[in-house]
Amino acid sequence: MEQAIVGFHLDEEQHWVAELACGHNQHVRHNPPWTNRPWVITEAGRTATLGRLLNCRKCDEGAPRDMPAV
């Protein structure tokens, strides 16, 4: 199920995590050549992707909401 990105935070390993409208979190790493997301590296890039839809597997699985970032 597609969900909008509503924010971002860094995890304990300093990887960017997208916060989705459904309450789930999803890593959005830039790790070429496997994952090419250069927009995640800059604040401007992350801001420009707010509202973009990502497929949320956790919604598809009926998983509970993730804990809010601290």
N, C-alpha and C. Protein backbone atom coordinates (compact mmCIF):
# COMPACT_ATOMS: atom_id res chain seq x y z
N MET A 1 0.85 -1.17 0.00
CA MET A 1 0.00 0.00 0.00
C MET A 1 0.89 1.24 0.00
N GLU A 2 0.59 2.17 -0.86
CA GLU A 2 1.39 3.39 -0.92
C GLU A 2 0.99 4.38 0.18
N GLN A 3 2.02 4.97 0.79
CA GLN A 3 1.81 5.94 1.87
C GLN A 3 2.73 7.13 1.64
N ALA A 4 2.29 8.31 2.04
CA ALA A 4 3.06 9.54 1.85
C ALA A 4 4.15 9.67 2.91
N ILE A 5 5.30 10.22 2.50
CA ILE A 5 6.37 10.56 3.43
C ILE A 5 5.97 11.85 4.13
N VAL A 6 6.01 11.83 5.48
CA VAL A 6 5.63 13.02 6.24
C VAL A 6 6.80 13.60 7.04
N GLY A 7 7.92 12.88 7.08
CA GLY A 7 9.08 13.36 7.82
C GLY A 7 10.24 12.38 7.71
N PHE A 8 11.35 12.73 8.34
CA PHE A 8 12.55 11.90 8.33
C PHE A 8 13.22 11.97 9.69
N HIS A 9 13.96 10.93 10.03
CA HIS A 9 14.85 10.96 11.18
C HIS A 9 16.02 10.01 10.92
N LEU A 10 17.07 10.17 11.70
CA LEU A 10 18.22 9.27 11.62
C LEU A 10 18.07 8.15 12.65
N ASP A 11 18.43 6.93 12.25
CA ASP A 11 18.40 5.83 13.21
C ASP A 11 19.69 5.82 14.01
N GLU A 12 19.86 4.84 14.88
CA GLU A 12 21.04 4.78 15.75
C GLU A 12 22.34 4.57 14.97
N GLU A 13 22.27 4.11 13.73
CA GLU A 13 23.46 3.92 12.89
C GLU A 13 23.63 5.08 11.90
N GLN A 14 22.86 6.16 12.09
CA GLN A 14 22.93 7.36 11.25
C GLN A 14 22.47 7.12 9.81
N HIS A 15 21.50 6.21 9.65
CA HIS A 15 20.86 5.99 8.36
C HIS A 15 19.52 6.73 8.36
N TRP A 16 19.16 7.33 7.22
CA TRP A 16 17.90 8.06 7.13
C TRP A 16 16.71 7.12 7.06
N VAL A 17 15.68 7.49 7.80
CA VAL A 17 14.44 6.73 7.88
C VAL A 17 13.29 7.67 7.53
N ALA A 18 12.45 7.24 6.59
CA ALA A 18 11.27 8.02 6.24
C ALA A 18 10.15 7.68 7.22
N GLU A 19 9.46 8.70 7.67
CA GLU A 19 8.27 8.54 8.52
C GLU A 19 7.07 8.66 7.59
N LEU A 20 6.23 7.64 7.57
CA LEU A 20 5.11 7.59 6.65
C LEU A 20 3.80 8.00 7.33
N ALA A 21 2.86 8.46 6.54
CA ALA A 21 1.57 8.95 7.05
C ALA A 21 0.83 7.87 7.84
N CYS A 22 1.09 6.63 7.56
CA CYS A 22 0.39 5.52 8.23
C CYS A 22 0.95 5.24 9.62
N GLY A 23 2.10 5.87 9.95
CA GLY A 23 2.72 5.62 11.26
C GLY A 23 3.85 4.61 11.21
N HIS A 24 4.15 4.10 10.03
CA HIS A 24 5.29 3.20 9.87
C HIS A 24 6.52 3.98 9.44
N ASN A 25 7.68 3.39 9.68
CA ASN A 25 8.96 3.95 9.27
C ASN A 25 9.59 3.06 8.22
N GLN A 26 10.37 3.65 7.32
CA GLN A 26 11.03 2.89 6.27
C GLN A 26 12.39 3.51 5.98
N HIS A 27 13.46 2.68 6.01
CA HIS A 27 14.79 3.18 5.66
C HIS A 27 14.81 3.64 4.21
N VAL A 28 15.50 4.74 3.96
CA VAL A 28 15.65 5.28 2.61
C VAL A 28 17.13 5.59 2.37
N ARG A 29 17.92 4.54 2.31
CA ARG A 29 19.37 4.68 2.17
C ARG A 29 19.77 5.01 0.73
N HIS A 30 20.85 5.76 0.61
CA HIS A 30 21.52 5.96 -0.68
C HIS A 30 22.74 5.07 -0.63
N ASN A 31 22.69 3.93 -1.31
CA ASN A 31 23.74 2.93 -1.24
C ASN A 31 24.01 2.36 -2.63
N PRO A 32 24.55 3.20 -3.55
CA PRO A 32 24.79 2.73 -4.92
C PRO A 32 25.74 1.54 -4.93
N PRO A 33 25.64 0.62 -5.85
CA PRO A 33 24.70 0.60 -6.98
C PRO A 33 23.37 -0.07 -6.64
N TRP A 34 23.19 -0.57 -5.43
CA TRP A 34 21.97 -1.29 -5.09
C TRP A 34 20.77 -0.37 -4.92
N THR A 35 20.96 0.71 -4.22
CA THR A 35 19.88 1.67 -4.00
C THR A 35 20.39 3.06 -4.35
N ASN A 36 19.73 3.71 -5.30
CA ASN A 36 20.18 5.02 -5.76
C ASN A 36 19.17 6.08 -5.33
N ARG A 37 19.42 6.70 -4.17
CA ARG A 37 18.56 7.75 -3.65
C ARG A 37 19.41 8.95 -3.22
N PRO A 38 20.02 9.64 -4.18
CA PRO A 38 20.89 10.77 -3.80
C PRO A 38 20.14 11.89 -3.09
N TRP A 39 18.83 11.98 -3.27
CA TRP A 39 18.04 13.03 -2.64
C TRP A 39 18.06 12.92 -1.12
N VAL A 40 18.34 11.74 -0.57
CA VAL A 40 18.30 11.56 0.88
C VAL A 40 19.51 12.19 1.57
N ILE A 41 20.55 12.50 0.82
CA ILE A 41 21.80 13.00 1.40
C ILE A 41 21.67 14.45 1.88
N THR A 42 20.83 15.25 1.24
CA THR A 42 20.73 16.67 1.62
C THR A 42 19.37 16.98 2.24
N GLU A 43 19.37 18.00 3.07
CA GLU A 43 18.11 18.44 3.67
C GLU A 43 17.14 18.91 2.59
N ALA A 44 17.65 19.63 1.59
CA ALA A 44 16.78 20.10 0.50
C ALA A 44 16.17 18.93 -0.25
N GLY A 45 16.95 17.89 -0.47
CA GLY A 45 16.45 16.71 -1.17
C GLY A 45 15.36 16.01 -0.37
N ARG A 46 15.57 15.87 0.94
CA ARG A 46 14.56 15.24 1.78
C ARG A 46 13.29 16.09 1.83
N THR A 47 13.45 17.39 1.98
CA THR A 47 12.29 18.29 2.03
C THR A 47 11.48 18.20 0.74
N ALA A 48 12.17 18.11 -0.39
CA ALA A 48 11.49 18.04 -1.68
C ALA A 48 10.69 16.74 -1.86
N THR A 49 11.02 15.71 -1.08
CA THR A 49 10.31 14.44 -1.23
C THR A 49 9.15 14.28 -0.24
N LEU A 50 8.95 15.24 0.64
CA LEU A 50 7.80 15.16 1.54
C LEU A 50 6.53 15.07 0.69
N GLY A 51 5.70 14.14 1.02
CA GLY A 51 4.48 13.92 0.25
C GLY A 51 4.62 12.84 -0.81
N ARG A 52 5.85 12.48 -1.17
CA ARG A 52 6.07 11.41 -2.15
C ARG A 52 5.55 10.09 -1.57
N LEU A 53 5.02 9.26 -2.43
CA LEU A 53 4.47 7.98 -1.99
C LEU A 53 5.54 6.89 -2.03
N LEU A 54 5.58 6.09 -0.98
CA LEU A 54 6.42 4.90 -0.92
C LEU A 54 5.52 3.70 -0.65
N ASN A 55 5.90 2.56 -1.19
CA ASN A 55 5.16 1.34 -0.91
C ASN A 55 5.48 0.90 0.52
N CYS A 56 4.46 0.73 1.34
CA CYS A 56 4.65 0.34 2.74
C CYS A 56 4.28 -1.14 2.90
N ARG A 57 5.30 -1.97 3.01
CA ARG A 57 5.07 -3.40 3.22
C ARG A 57 4.42 -3.68 4.57
N LYS A 58 4.75 -2.85 5.55
CA LYS A 58 4.18 -3.06 6.88
C LYS A 58 2.66 -2.90 6.85
N CYS A 59 2.16 -1.95 6.05
CA CYS A 59 0.70 -1.82 5.89
C CYS A 59 0.13 -3.07 5.22
N ASP A 60 0.82 -3.53 4.18
CA ASP A 60 0.37 -4.72 3.46
C ASP A 60 0.28 -5.93 4.40
N GLU A 61 1.18 -5.98 5.39
CA GLU A 61 1.21 -7.09 6.34
C GLU A 61 0.31 -6.86 7.55
N GLY A 62 -0.27 -5.67 7.68
CA GLY A 62 -1.13 -5.37 8.83
C GLY A 62 -0.34 -5.14 10.10
N ALA A 63 0.89 -4.70 9.98
CA ALA A 63 1.75 -4.50 11.17
C ALA A 63 1.29 -3.28 11.97
N PRO A 64 1.51 -3.30 13.29
CA PRO A 64 1.17 -2.13 14.11
C PRO A 64 2.07 -0.95 13.76
N ARG A 65 1.64 0.24 14.15
CA ARG A 65 2.43 1.46 13.92
C ARG A 65 3.78 1.33 14.63
N ASP A 66 4.81 1.97 14.05
CA ASP A 66 6.14 1.98 14.68
C ASP A 66 6.12 2.99 15.82
N MET A 67 7.06 2.82 16.73
CA MET A 67 7.20 3.76 17.83
C MET A 67 7.70 5.08 17.25
N PRO A 68 7.26 6.21 17.78
CA PRO A 68 7.74 7.50 17.29
C PRO A 68 9.24 7.65 17.54
N ALA A 69 9.91 8.40 16.66
CA ALA A 69 11.34 8.67 16.83
C ALA A 69 11.54 9.56 18.05
N VAL A 70 12.63 9.34 18.76
CA VAL A 70 12.93 10.17 19.93
C VAL A 70 14.01 11.16 19.65
